């Protein structure tokens, strides 16, 4: 089989991820592997896509190879997908799969993003391999890679493909016109609206205008298309120690002085390729100059999204996951799918309420699971990621359960007691009451406090 490996890592041949493909190539000389460093050479393909078009047309299986960057694939792969779709090269009927390496932080959303775009291209998608960064260095990891390739070949031969999601129904997209009155403004809070609005994004432009009108605070718009990005994140870890990006385009100062100083963030974009235009992903990835530090923890966020958001389940997971991991109160999402004006007004009201009440909520699985992955990663790599390590120590993120010695001892004592037959007999049917007792006390105290305050 003719296999085209699209190495979307910005590190090119020095990519950890591509070595899994090279390992499989070494084991399977019966197949023809062509490895192309598309991530490292993305600017070249922006100028001349013809060489890659020819390779795509010749391939029978396209294998996307990339590291997971900030919930999805790197900016370079987002840009490549845009180029493939814009070129119109026919990939229908070809097989597609993927190999990623990461610490399994939202690898699922990255894989689904690539799968969804392959479905758009009419490709036959086989579930990919999500490996740990170090898996190829272990016998178990190599065995899993070999099994993946065997399963990949078997699936291609027997038609075992990923089931495509139901597409959004076709609808006539109406041009939204601003209708909300411009309320009086105060300078009590600074709200920044980060967008990649293009001149043709008329709906998004008008949604932003209406949101600004409805918001009783001064707000400012930062359009990412105006920033002179020198390129996407290189994954070089140069910022791990210094906190400064190796690029000289000033993005780290721009991020910290223009955006992160705000009291609230509003992200505004038009859905494209199951996320948005690659300029926003470049912004996402370049924020790695902050490492894994949740430096905007507690800042409320909101979204203005133009497009069929209700049919983009993976995008909805990413939106929620970002807020949960970052410790940001998600005020909501306003779209142009229904009563847009009402949605925008409600979103503005929600943001105001969150700012006044300083709202927060306990993290759900998305946030707890994501931060535990980072916690363990930074603790192990503290020698390299020194800024992250200092931040995690200062903010109590190293909450390892094995350090809760008192709690562990208490549970051992309780376990030993309930193992005694006489104690079991005495406690029969009363365990729930013992557990619920402290909670009942909290409720009783709340009632007493209310009465004492005369409410």
Protein backbone atom coordinates (compact mmCIF):
# COMPACT_ATOMS: atom_id res chain seq x y z
CA UNK A 1 0.00 0.00 0.00
CA UNK A 2 1.17 3.53 -0.77
CA UNK A 3 1.21 5.35 2.56
CA UNK A 4 1.70 9.12 2.74
CA UNK A 5 2.83 10.21 6.21
CA UNK A 6 1.99 13.87 6.76
CA UNK A 7 4.41 14.85 9.50
CA UNK A 8 2.67 17.94 10.87
CA UNK A 9 5.09 18.52 13.73
CA UNK A 10 6.94 21.85 13.43
CA UNK A 11 10.10 19.95 14.44
CA UNK A 12 10.23 18.01 11.17
CA UNK A 13 12.59 15.03 11.31
CA UNK A 14 13.30 15.80 14.98
CA UNK A 15 9.70 15.08 15.89
CA UNK A 16 9.06 12.44 18.54
CA UNK A 17 5.77 11.53 16.90
CA UNK A 18 7.07 10.81 13.41
CA UNK A 19 9.48 8.22 14.78
CA UNK A 20 6.54 5.90 15.44
CA UNK A 21 5.77 6.06 11.70
CA UNK A 22 9.46 5.53 10.91
CA UNK A 23 9.48 2.51 13.23
CA UNK A 24 6.52 1.02 11.37
CA UNK A 25 8.21 1.79 8.06
CA UNK A 26 11.30 -0.14 9.17
CA UNK A 27 9.13 -3.15 10.03
CA UNK A 28 7.06 -3.15 6.84
CA UNK A 29 9.14 -2.91 3.66
CA UNK A 30 6.20 -4.45 1.78
CA UNK A 31 4.49 -1.04 1.97
CA UNK A 32 5.71 2.19 0.42
CA UNK A 33 6.03 4.96 3.01
CA UNK A 34 6.51 8.58 1.92
CA UNK A 35 7.19 10.94 4.82
CA UNK A 36 6.60 14.64 4.16
CA UNK A 37 7.51 17.32 6.77
CA UNK A 38 4.39 19.41 6.11
CA UNK A 39 4.46 21.09 9.52
CA UNK A 40 7.98 22.38 9.11
CA UNK A 41 7.39 23.44 5.50
CA UNK A 42 3.87 24.86 5.76
CA UNK A 43 4.91 28.26 4.36
CA UNK A 44 6.34 26.50 1.31
CA UNK A 45 2.99 24.84 0.61
CA UNK A 46 1.20 28.14 1.05
CA UNK A 47 3.22 29.37 -1.93
CA UNK A 48 3.11 26.20 -4.04
CA UNK A 49 0.74 23.36 -3.16
CA UNK A 50 1.31 21.41 -6.39
CA UNK A 51 4.04 19.02 -5.10
CA UNK A 52 1.91 17.95 -2.14
CA UNK A 53 -1.19 17.68 -4.33
CA UNK A 54 0.60 15.13 -6.49
CA UNK A 55 1.65 13.11 -3.44
CA UNK A 56 -1.88 13.18 -2.02
CA UNK A 57 -3.35 12.01 -5.31
CA UNK A 58 -0.91 9.10 -5.51
CA UNK A 59 -1.42 7.94 -1.90
CA UNK A 60 -3.79 5.15 -0.93
CA UNK A 61 -3.54 5.81 2.82
CA UNK A 62 -2.93 9.23 4.36
CA UNK A 63 -1.44 8.99 7.85
CA UNK A 64 -1.55 12.23 9.84
CA UNK A 65 1.34 12.35 12.30
CA UNK A 66 1.42 15.16 14.88
CA UNK A 67 1.85 16.12 18.54
CA UNK A 68 -1.28 17.30 20.37
CA UNK A 69 -1.11 21.06 20.97
CA UNK A 70 -3.61 22.85 23.23
CA UNK A 71 -6.63 20.56 22.88
CA UNK A 72 -6.28 19.97 19.14
CA UNK A 73 -3.67 19.58 16.41
CA UNK A 74 -0.86 22.13 15.93
CA UNK A 75 -1.54 25.33 14.00
CA UNK A 76 0.55 23.94 11.14
CA UNK A 77 -1.90 21.06 10.60
CA UNK A 78 -4.88 23.41 10.82
CA UNK A 79 -3.31 25.51 8.10
CA UNK A 80 -2.58 22.41 6.01
CA UNK A 81 -6.22 21.31 6.18
CA UNK A 82 -7.24 24.75 4.96
CA UNK A 83 -4.83 24.44 2.04
CA UNK A 84 -6.06 20.95 1.14
CA UNK A 85 -9.69 22.05 1.11
CA UNK A 86 -8.94 25.27 -0.77
CA UNK A 87 -6.99 23.36 -3.44
CA UNK A 88 -9.86 20.97 -4.05
CA UNK A 89 -7.68 17.88 -4.39
CA UNK A 90 -9.91 14.80 -4.53
CA UNK A 91 -9.24 12.50 -1.56
CA UNK A 92 -12.62 10.77 -1.58
CA UNK A 93 -12.38 7.04 -1.02
CA UNK A 94 -8.81 7.14 0.27
CA UNK A 95 -8.00 5.69 3.68
CA UNK A 96 -7.05 8.02 6.53
CA UNK A 97 -5.72 7.48 10.03
CA UNK A 98 -3.48 9.25 12.51
CA UNK A 99 -0.66 8.86 15.02
CA UNK A 100 -0.27 11.33 17.87
CA UNK A 101 1.98 11.63 20.88
CA UNK A 102 1.05 13.56 24.02
CA UNK A 103 0.48 13.10 27.73
CA UNK A 104 -3.14 12.29 26.78
CA UNK A 105 -4.29 15.82 27.60
CA UNK A 106 -7.38 16.15 25.37
CA UNK A 107 -5.98 13.82 22.74
CA UNK A 108 -9.58 12.74 22.11
CA UNK A 109 -10.58 16.21 20.85
CA UNK A 110 -7.51 16.35 18.61
CA UNK A 111 -8.32 12.99 17.04
CA UNK A 112 -11.96 13.91 16.48
CA UNK A 113 -10.95 17.19 14.86
CA UNK A 114 -8.81 15.36 12.28
CA UNK A 115 -11.46 12.70 11.75
CA UNK A 116 -14.18 15.30 11.13
CA UNK A 117 -12.09 17.03 8.49
CA UNK A 118 -11.27 13.72 6.82
CA UNK A 119 -15.00 12.99 6.65
CA UNK A 120 -15.45 16.38 4.95
CA UNK A 121 -12.98 15.19 2.31
CA UNK A 122 -14.87 11.93 1.75
CA UNK A 123 -12.13 9.76 3.23
CA UNK A 124 -12.50 6.36 4.91
CA UNK A 125 -11.32 6.94 8.47
CA UNK A 126 -9.70 4.27 10.65
CA UNK A 127 -9.26 4.98 14.35
CA UNK A 128 -5.76 6.27 15.07
CA UNK A 129 -3.06 5.64 17.66
CA UNK A 130 -2.81 7.99 20.63
CA UNK A 131 0.55 7.25 22.22
CA UNK A 132 2.34 8.66 25.21
CA UNK A 133 5.41 10.70 24.37
CA UNK A 134 7.69 7.95 25.69
CA UNK A 135 5.80 4.90 24.44
CA UNK A 136 8.17 4.10 21.59
CA UNK A 137 10.98 3.70 24.14
CA UNK A 138 9.19 0.83 25.88
CA UNK A 139 8.50 -2.69 24.66
CA UNK A 140 4.81 -2.31 25.51
CA UNK A 141 4.63 0.92 23.52
CA UNK A 142 6.31 -0.66 20.51
CA UNK A 143 3.95 -3.63 20.73
CA UNK A 144 0.97 -1.26 20.75
CA UNK A 145 2.36 0.52 17.70
CA UNK A 146 2.76 -2.79 15.86
CA UNK A 147 -0.76 -3.83 16.84
CA UNK A 148 -2.10 -0.50 15.64
CA UNK A 149 -0.57 -0.97 12.20
CA UNK A 150 -1.84 -4.54 11.92
CA UNK A 151 -5.32 -3.36 12.91
CA UNK A 152 -5.04 -0.48 10.44
CA UNK A 153 -4.26 -2.81 7.55
CA UNK A 154 -7.00 -5.23 8.64
CA UNK A 155 -9.55 -2.40 8.85
CA UNK A 156 -8.67 -1.12 5.39
CA UNK A 157 -9.02 -4.63 3.97
CA UNK A 158 -12.34 -5.36 5.71
CA UNK A 159 -14.03 -1.97 5.66
CA UNK A 160 -13.94 -1.31 9.42
CA UNK A 161 -14.15 2.47 9.52
CA UNK A 162 -15.14 5.15 12.02
CA UNK A 163 -18.82 6.06 11.68
CA UNK A 164 -19.20 9.66 10.45
CA UNK A 165 -21.29 11.99 12.64
CA UNK A 166 -24.57 13.31 11.31
CA UNK A 167 -23.87 16.46 9.28
CA UNK A 168 -25.56 19.74 10.04
CA UNK A 169 -28.63 20.27 7.85
CA UNK A 170 -28.29 22.84 5.13
CA UNK A 171 -29.75 26.20 6.07
CA UNK A 172 -29.92 29.59 4.51
CA UNK A 173 -27.65 31.73 6.60
CA UNK A 174 -29.35 35.04 7.25
CA UNK A 175 -27.33 38.19 7.65
CA UNK A 176 -27.68 39.31 11.23
CA UNK A 177 -28.24 43.01 11.70
CA UNK A 178 -27.38 44.78 14.97
CA UNK A 179 -30.57 45.64 16.89
CA UNK A 180 -29.59 46.04 20.54
CA UNK A 181 -29.58 49.55 22.03
CA UNK A 182 -26.28 51.08 23.08
CA UNK A 183 -26.42 51.27 26.89
CA UNK A 184 -24.45 53.73 29.00
CA UNK A 185 -20.87 52.63 29.66
CA UNK A 186 -18.67 52.67 32.75
CA UNK A 187 -14.95 52.02 33.06
CA UNK A 188 -15.36 49.81 36.12
CA UNK A 189 -14.25 46.75 34.20
CA UNK A 190 -12.04 46.08 31.19
CA UNK A 191 -13.52 43.54 28.77
CA UNK A 192 -11.41 42.38 25.83
CA UNK A 193 -12.98 40.74 22.78
CA UNK A 194 -10.44 38.50 21.05
CA UNK A 195 -11.45 37.66 17.50
CA UNK A 196 -10.16 36.65 14.09
CA UNK A 197 -13.03 38.37 12.28
CA UNK A 198 -12.35 38.69 8.55
CA UNK A 199 -13.90 41.41 6.36
CA UNK A 200 -16.35 38.87 4.93
CA UNK A 201 -17.46 37.69 8.41
CA UNK A 202 -20.44 40.02 8.40
CA UNK A 203 -22.48 38.10 10.95
CA UNK A 204 -19.62 37.90 13.41
CA UNK A 205 -18.83 41.57 12.95
CA UNK A 206 -22.43 42.52 13.69
CA UNK A 207 -22.64 40.14 16.66
CA UNK A 208 -19.59 41.80 18.19
CA UNK A 209 -21.12 45.24 17.62
CA UNK A 210 -24.36 44.22 19.34
CA UNK A 211 -22.51 42.64 22.26
CA UNK A 212 -20.51 45.82 22.78
CA UNK A 213 -23.72 47.84 22.65
CA UNK A 214 -25.44 45.65 25.26
CA UNK A 215 -22.46 45.57 27.63
CA UNK A 216 -22.52 48.32 30.29
CA UNK A 217 -18.71 48.32 30.46
CA UNK A 218 -16.15 49.71 28.08
CA UNK A 219 -14.84 46.93 25.82
CA UNK A 220 -12.10 46.69 23.23
CA UNK A 221 -11.62 44.42 20.24
CA UNK A 222 -8.33 42.69 19.48
CA UNK A 223 -8.30 41.16 15.99
CA UNK A 224 -5.71 38.41 15.71
CA UNK A 225 -5.52 38.84 11.95
CA UNK A 226 -3.84 42.19 12.59
CA UNK A 227 -1.03 40.72 14.68
CA UNK A 228 2.20 39.98 12.75
CA UNK A 229 2.68 36.36 13.84
CA UNK A 230 6.13 35.17 12.76
CA UNK A 231 4.82 31.61 12.83
CA UNK A 232 3.15 28.92 14.90
CA UNK A 233 4.57 27.42 18.08
CA UNK A 234 7.71 25.40 17.35
CA UNK A 235 7.47 23.17 20.41
CA UNK A 236 11.09 24.08 21.17
CA UNK A 237 10.59 24.53 24.95
CA UNK A 238 12.74 27.65 24.80
CA UNK A 239 10.12 29.41 26.93
CA UNK A 240 10.03 26.66 29.57
CA UNK A 241 12.75 28.31 31.63
CA UNK A 242 12.68 31.96 30.59
CA UNK A 243 8.95 32.41 29.88
CA UNK A 244 9.92 34.20 26.65
CA UNK A 245 9.17 32.97 23.14
CA UNK A 246 12.06 32.43 20.71
CA UNK A 247 10.18 34.39 18.07
CA UNK A 248 10.96 38.11 17.97
CA UNK A 249 7.44 39.21 16.97
CA UNK A 250 6.56 40.41 20.48
CA UNK A 251 3.68 38.02 21.03
CA UNK A 252 4.47 37.24 24.66
CA UNK A 253 4.36 40.95 25.60
CA UNK A 254 1.25 41.43 23.45
CA UNK A 255 -0.49 38.55 25.22
CA UNK A 256 0.40 39.66 28.73
CA UNK A 257 -0.03 43.41 28.32
CA UNK A 258 -2.94 43.64 25.86
CA UNK A 259 -5.11 40.61 26.58
CA UNK A 260 -4.38 39.02 29.94
CA UNK A 261 -4.72 42.30 31.83
CA UNK A 262 -8.49 42.33 31.14
CA UNK A 263 -11.16 41.58 33.74
CA UNK A 264 -13.05 39.34 31.31
CA UNK A 265 -12.35 37.62 27.98
CA UNK A 266 -14.79 37.24 25.10
CA UNK A 267 -13.71 35.00 22.24
CA UNK A 268 -15.44 35.64 18.93
CA UNK A 269 -15.02 33.56 15.79
CA UNK A 270 -16.75 31.97 12.82
CA UNK A 271 -16.73 28.18 12.67
CA UNK A 272 -14.53 26.78 9.90
CA UNK A 273 -13.19 23.25 9.47
CA UNK A 274 -14.77 22.22 12.80
CA UNK A 275 -12.86 24.89 14.72
CA UNK A 276 -12.16 28.29 13.21
CA UNK A 277 -9.63 29.92 10.89
CA UNK A 278 -6.06 28.83 11.64
CA UNK A 279 -5.11 32.33 12.85
CA UNK A 280 -6.95 31.55 16.09
CA UNK A 281 -5.07 28.25 16.49
CA UNK A 282 -1.80 30.11 16.03
CA UNK A 283 -2.89 32.34 18.92
CA UNK A 284 -3.84 29.26 21.00
CA UNK A 285 -0.51 27.52 20.47
CA UNK A 286 1.67 30.56 20.98
CA UNK A 287 0.20 30.97 24.46
CA UNK A 288 2.55 28.17 25.45
CA UNK A 289 4.89 31.00 26.45
CA UNK A 290 2.81 30.74 29.66
CA UNK A 291 3.69 27.07 29.87
CA UNK A 292 1.09 25.04 31.75
CA UNK A 293 0.31 27.88 34.15
CA UNK A 294 -3.34 28.87 34.60
CA UNK A 295 -2.40 32.54 34.84
CA UNK A 296 -5.95 33.79 34.12
CA UNK A 297 -7.61 31.57 36.73
CA UNK A 298 -10.80 33.20 37.97
CA UNK A 299 -11.31 35.44 34.94
CA UNK A 300 -14.79 34.92 33.40
CA UNK A 301 -15.02 34.12 29.71
CA UNK A 302 -17.76 34.17 27.07
CA UNK A 303 -18.05 33.20 23.41
CA UNK A 304 -19.64 34.74 20.33
CA UNK A 305 -19.73 32.07 17.63
CA UNK A 306 -21.10 32.30 14.10
CA UNK A 307 -21.99 28.95 12.54
CA UNK A 308 -23.69 25.63 13.26
CA UNK A 309 -22.37 25.37 16.80
CA UNK A 310 -25.09 23.01 18.00
CA UNK A 311 -23.88 20.37 15.52
CA UNK A 312 -20.21 20.67 16.52
CA UNK A 313 -20.03 18.38 19.54
CA UNK A 314 -16.23 18.25 19.55
CA UNK A 315 -15.97 22.03 19.45
CA UNK A 316 -18.42 22.28 22.34
CA UNK A 317 -16.20 19.93 24.34
CA UNK A 318 -13.16 22.09 23.58
CA UNK A 319 -14.95 25.28 24.64
CA UNK A 320 -16.04 23.74 27.94
CA UNK A 321 -12.71 21.98 28.51
CA UNK A 322 -10.70 25.17 28.05
CA UNK A 323 -12.70 27.02 30.68
CA UNK A 324 -12.59 24.09 33.11
CA UNK A 325 -8.84 23.55 32.88
CA UNK A 326 -8.13 27.28 33.02
CA UNK A 327 -10.35 27.81 36.05
CA UNK A 328 -12.47 30.34 34.15
CA UNK A 329 -16.19 30.79 34.75
CA UNK A 330 -17.90 30.12 31.41
CA UNK A 331 -20.68 32.69 31.09
CA UNK A 332 -22.14 31.09 27.98
CA UNK A 333 -22.07 31.00 24.19
CA UNK A 334 -24.14 33.19 21.88
CA UNK A 335 -24.57 32.02 18.29
CA UNK A 336 -26.39 33.13 15.14
CA UNK A 337 -28.43 29.92 14.93
CA UNK A 338 -31.67 31.17 16.50
CA UNK A 339 -32.75 34.34 18.29
CA UNK A 340 -29.33 35.93 18.06
CA UNK A 341 -30.21 39.26 19.67
CA UNK A 342 -31.73 37.56 22.71
CA UNK A 343 -28.70 35.25 23.01
CA UNK A 344 -26.28 38.18 22.86
CA UNK A 345 -28.24 40.18 25.43
CA UNK A 346 -28.37 37.19 27.77
CA UNK A 347 -24.64 36.61 27.33
CA UNK A 348 -23.87 40.25 28.15
CA UNK A 349 -26.08 40.06 31.24
CA UNK A 350 -24.42 36.81 32.30
CA UNK A 351 -20.94 38.32 31.96
CA UNK A 352 -21.93 41.37 34.01
CA UNK A 353 -23.40 39.13 36.72
CA UNK A 354 -20.26 36.97 36.79
CA UNK A 355 -18.02 40.04 37.15
CA UNK A 356 -20.12 41.60 39.91
CA UNK A 357 -20.49 38.37 41.89
CA UNK A 358 -16.97 37.13 41.11
CA UNK A 359 -18.51 33.80 40.17
CA UNK A 360 -16.67 30.51 40.13
CA UNK A 361 -17.70 26.88 40.10
CA UNK A 362 -15.92 23.67 41.10
CA UNK A 363 -14.14 22.00 38.20
CA UNK A 364 -15.87 19.07 36.55
CA UNK A 365 -14.16 16.01 35.04
CA UNK A 366 -12.75 18.07 32.17
CA UNK A 367 -10.97 20.41 34.56
CA UNK A 368 -9.99 17.96 37.31
CA UNK A 369 -8.71 15.32 34.88
CA UNK A 370 -6.84 17.83 32.75
CA UNK A 371 -5.08 19.47 35.68
CA UNK A 372 -4.07 16.14 37.21
CA UNK A 373 -2.28 15.28 33.96
CA UNK A 374 -0.46 18.62 34.11
CA UNK A 375 0.26 18.23 37.82
CA UNK A 376 2.03 14.91 37.32
CA UNK A 377 3.80 16.10 34.17
CA UNK A 378 5.24 19.26 35.73
CA UNK A 379 6.29 17.48 38.92
CA UNK A 380 8.35 15.00 36.89
CA UNK A 381 9.74 17.68 34.53
CA UNK A 382 10.30 20.36 37.17
CA UNK A 383 14.00 20.50 36.33
CA UNK A 384 13.17 21.78 32.83
CA UNK A 385 9.83 23.53 33.37
CA UNK A 386 11.03 25.70 36.23
CA UNK A 387 8.48 28.50 35.84
CA UNK A 388 5.62 25.98 35.81
CA UNK A 389 7.05 24.22 38.87
CA UNK A 390 7.26 27.45 40.87
CA UNK A 391 3.69 28.33 39.88
CA UNK A 392 2.33 24.90 40.81
CA UNK A 393 4.06 24.99 44.21
CA UNK A 394 2.83 28.51 44.96
CA UNK A 395 -0.78 27.73 44.04
CA UNK A 396 -1.08 24.35 45.76
CA UNK A 397 -1.59 22.40 42.55
CA UNK A 398 0.60 19.57 43.80
CA UNK A 399 -2.33 17.95 45.59
CA UNK A 400 -1.04 14.38 45.47
CA UNK A 401 -3.46 12.07 47.29
CA UNK A 402 -0.67 9.97 48.83
CA UNK A 403 0.33 13.04 50.87
CA UNK A 404 -3.02 13.07 52.71
CA UNK A 405 -1.63 10.89 55.48
CA UNK A 406 -4.21 11.91 58.09
CA UNK A 407 -7.13 11.12 55.76
CA UNK A 408 -5.59 7.77 54.79
CA UNK A 409 -5.13 6.85 58.47
CA UNK A 410 -8.73 7.80 59.25
CA UNK A 411 -10.01 5.57 56.47
CA UNK A 412 -7.84 2.66 57.68
CA UNK A 413 -9.26 3.02 61.19
CA UNK A 414 -12.83 3.15 59.89
CA UNK A 415 -12.17 0.13 57.69
CA UNK A 416 -10.73 -1.81 60.61
CA UNK A 417 -13.73 -0.96 62.82
CA UNK A 418 -16.42 -1.90 60.31
CA UNK A 419 -14.63 -5.21 59.75
CA UNK A 420 -15.47 -6.22 63.35
CA UNK A 421 -18.70 -8.31 63.38
CA UNK A 422 -20.06 -6.66 66.54
CA UNK A 423 -19.55 -3.18 65.07
CA UNK A 424 -21.16 -4.28 61.80
CA UNK A 425 -24.21 -5.48 63.74
CA UNK A 426 -24.46 -2.22 65.67
CA UNK A 427 -24.08 -0.07 62.54
CA UNK A 428 -26.46 -2.12 60.40
CA UNK A 429 -28.69 0.24 58.48
CA UNK A 430 -27.06 3.32 60.04
CA UNK A 431 -24.05 3.87 57.75
CA UNK A 432 -25.86 6.41 55.61
CA UNK A 433 -26.88 8.36 58.71
CA UNK A 434 -23.26 8.54 59.89
CA UNK A 435 -22.20 9.79 56.47
CA UNK A 436 -24.96 12.34 56.07
CA UNK A 437 -24.76 13.76 59.59
CA UNK A 438 -22.15 16.51 58.89
CA UNK A 439 -24.11 17.63 55.82
CA UNK A 440 -27.32 17.95 57.81
CA UNK A 441 -25.46 20.14 60.29
CA UNK A 442 -24.38 22.52 57.49
CA UNK A 443 -28.01 22.85 56.34
CA UNK A 444 -29.21 23.50 59.91
CA UNK A 445 -26.57 26.18 60.43
CA UNK A 446 -27.60 27.88 57.19
CA UNK A 447 -31.20 28.09 58.42
CA UNK A 448 -30.11 29.46 61.78
CA UNK A 449 -27.92 32.05 60.07
CA UNK A 450 -30.82 33.16 57.87
CA UNK A 451 -33.12 33.55 60.89
CA UNK A 452 -30.48 35.48 62.80
CA UNK A 453 -30.09 37.93 59.92
CA UNK A 454 -33.84 38.49 59.81
CA UNK A 455 -34.27 37.39 56.20
